[in-house]
Amino acid sequence: MFDHRIEILAYKEMRDEYNDRTDELVHIATCCACRTEAGGRENLYAGRIVHENEIVYTVRWRAGIEAGMVIKEYDRIHRIISVHEEGRRWRLHIKVTKSDADNQG
C-alpha cells in the first residue's frame, strides 16, 4: 500500500553572505505514502472529494505537517494545500495540486 517514497520540505527564511533574505527548502521528513490520483472526481475518506487536478498522499500519522509545506516525489515538487487526519493519530491525508506552475520558480 505505501509504495511511494516522498520527502516533506518546508521553506525557511535564511540570510546569505550579503545579509540578503533567501528562502531555502529544509527537510522535515521522509515518508512512505500511498498515492491517490483521480481522473475526475473521486470520494476518498469521510466524504472528502479529490478533484482531477489534485493528488492525495496517505502517510502514517506524523506531527508538524502543515499546509504551505511542499512534497518532493522524484524530481517533482508539489505544494501542500490541506492536511486531514483520519482516526486518532492513525493516518494523514495530504492533499496537493498537480500543476506545472508549482514547479516554476
Protein backbone atom coordinates (compact mmCIF):
# COMPACT_ATOMS: atom_id res chain seq x y z
CA MET A 1 0.00 0.00 0.00
CA PHE A 2 2.66 2.54 0.97
CA ASP A 3 4.72 2.23 -2.20
CA HIS A 4 5.82 5.82 -2.93
CA ARG A 5 8.77 7.47 -1.20
CA ILE A 6 8.18 11.18 -0.61
CA GLU A 7 10.06 13.94 1.14
CA ILE A 8 8.29 16.68 3.06
CA LEU A 9 10.09 20.02 2.94
CA ALA A 10 9.37 23.48 4.33
CA TYR A 11 10.54 26.91 3.26
CA LYS A 12 12.76 28.62 5.81
CA GLU A 13 13.97 32.19 5.58
CA MET A 14 17.76 32.37 5.67
CA ARG A 15 20.38 35.09 5.29
CA ASP A 16 23.12 34.76 2.70
CA GLU A 17 26.70 36.09 2.88
CA TYR A 18 25.48 39.57 1.81
CA ASN A 19 22.80 39.53 4.54
CA ASP A 20 20.01 39.27 1.96
CA ARG A 21 16.97 37.18 2.79
CA THR A 22 16.54 33.95 0.83
CA ASP A 23 14.07 31.10 1.11
CA GLU A 24 15.59 27.64 1.31
CA LEU A 25 13.90 24.26 1.48
CA VAL A 26 14.55 22.46 4.76
CA HIS A 27 13.99 18.71 5.11
CA ILE A 28 11.17 17.85 7.54
CA ALA A 29 10.55 14.14 6.96
CA THR A 30 10.88 11.23 4.57
CA CYS A 31 7.79 9.03 4.39
CA CYS A 32 6.36 6.07 2.54
CA ALA A 33 2.99 7.03 1.09
CA CYS A 34 0.03 5.72 -0.82
CA ARG A 35 -0.74 7.99 -3.80
CA THR A 36 -4.35 8.59 -4.91
CA GLU A 37 -4.81 10.46 -8.15
CA ALA A 38 -8.26 10.88 -9.66
CA GLY A 39 -9.13 11.19 -13.31
CA GLY A 40 -12.35 13.04 -12.50
CA ARG A 41 -13.87 13.38 -9.05
CA GLU A 42 -13.35 10.66 -6.51
CA ASN A 43 -14.64 10.26 -2.97
CA LEU A 44 -11.77 9.36 -0.71
CA TYR A 45 -12.47 9.27 3.02
CA ALA A 46 -15.25 10.68 5.17
CA GLY A 47 -16.89 12.24 2.10
CA ARG A 48 -13.86 14.26 1.03
CA ILE A 49 -13.55 14.77 -2.71
CA VAL A 50 -10.39 14.53 -4.82
CA HIS A 51 -10.63 16.61 -7.98
CA GLU A 52 -8.87 15.88 -11.27
CA ASN A 53 -6.01 18.33 -10.63
CA GLU A 54 -5.24 17.06 -7.11
CA ILE A 55 -3.19 14.25 -5.63
CA VAL A 56 -3.65 12.83 -2.13
CA TYR A 57 -0.75 11.18 -0.33
CA THR A 58 -1.74 8.98 2.61
CA VAL A 59 1.01 8.55 5.21
CA ARG A 60 1.20 7.24 8.74
CA TRP A 61 0.38 9.94 11.26
CA ARG A 62 3.17 12.42 11.95
CA ALA A 63 3.09 15.70 13.85
CA GLY A 64 4.09 19.01 12.33
CA ILE A 65 2.94 18.64 8.72
CA GLU A 66 1.03 21.73 7.64
CA ALA A 67 -0.43 23.39 4.57
CA GLY A 68 2.15 25.55 2.80
CA MET A 69 4.91 22.96 3.02
CA VAL A 70 5.94 21.06 -0.11
CA ILE A 71 6.21 17.41 -1.11
CA LYS A 72 9.02 16.19 -3.31
CA GLU A 73 8.46 12.96 -5.20
CA TYR A 74 11.25 12.07 -7.61
CA ASP A 75 12.01 15.43 -9.28
CA ARG A 76 8.54 16.94 -8.92
CA ILE A 77 7.63 19.39 -6.17
CA HIS A 78 4.00 19.90 -5.13
CA ARG A 79 2.67 22.46 -2.65
CA ILE A 80 0.50 21.07 0.17
CA ILE A 81 -2.94 22.68 0.16
CA SER A 82 -4.52 20.78 3.06
CA VAL A 83 -3.80 18.09 5.64
CA HIS A 84 -6.59 15.87 7.01
CA GLU A 85 -6.29 13.46 9.90
CA GLU A 86 -8.01 10.06 9.72
CA GLY A 87 -8.65 8.49 13.07
CA ARG A 88 -6.82 9.47 16.21
CA ARG A 89 -3.14 9.62 15.24
CA TRP A 90 -3.56 6.87 12.68
CA ARG A 91 -3.12 8.34 9.19
CA LEU A 92 -2.73 11.69 7.47
CA HIS A 93 -4.14 12.53 4.07
CA ILE A 94 -2.03 15.25 2.46
CA LYS A 95 -3.71 16.97 -0.48
CA VAL A 96 -1.56 18.67 -3.14
CA THR A 97 -2.22 20.20 -6.55
CA LYS A 98 -0.58 18.73 -9.63
CA SER A 99 0.30 21.80 -11.62
CA ASP A 100 3.37 22.61 -13.67
CA ALA A 101 3.14 26.19 -12.39
CA ASP A 102 4.03 24.96 -8.88
CA ASN A 103 7.39 23.68 -10.14
CA GLN A 104 8.46 27.04 -11.55
CA GLY A 105 10.50 29.45 -9.52
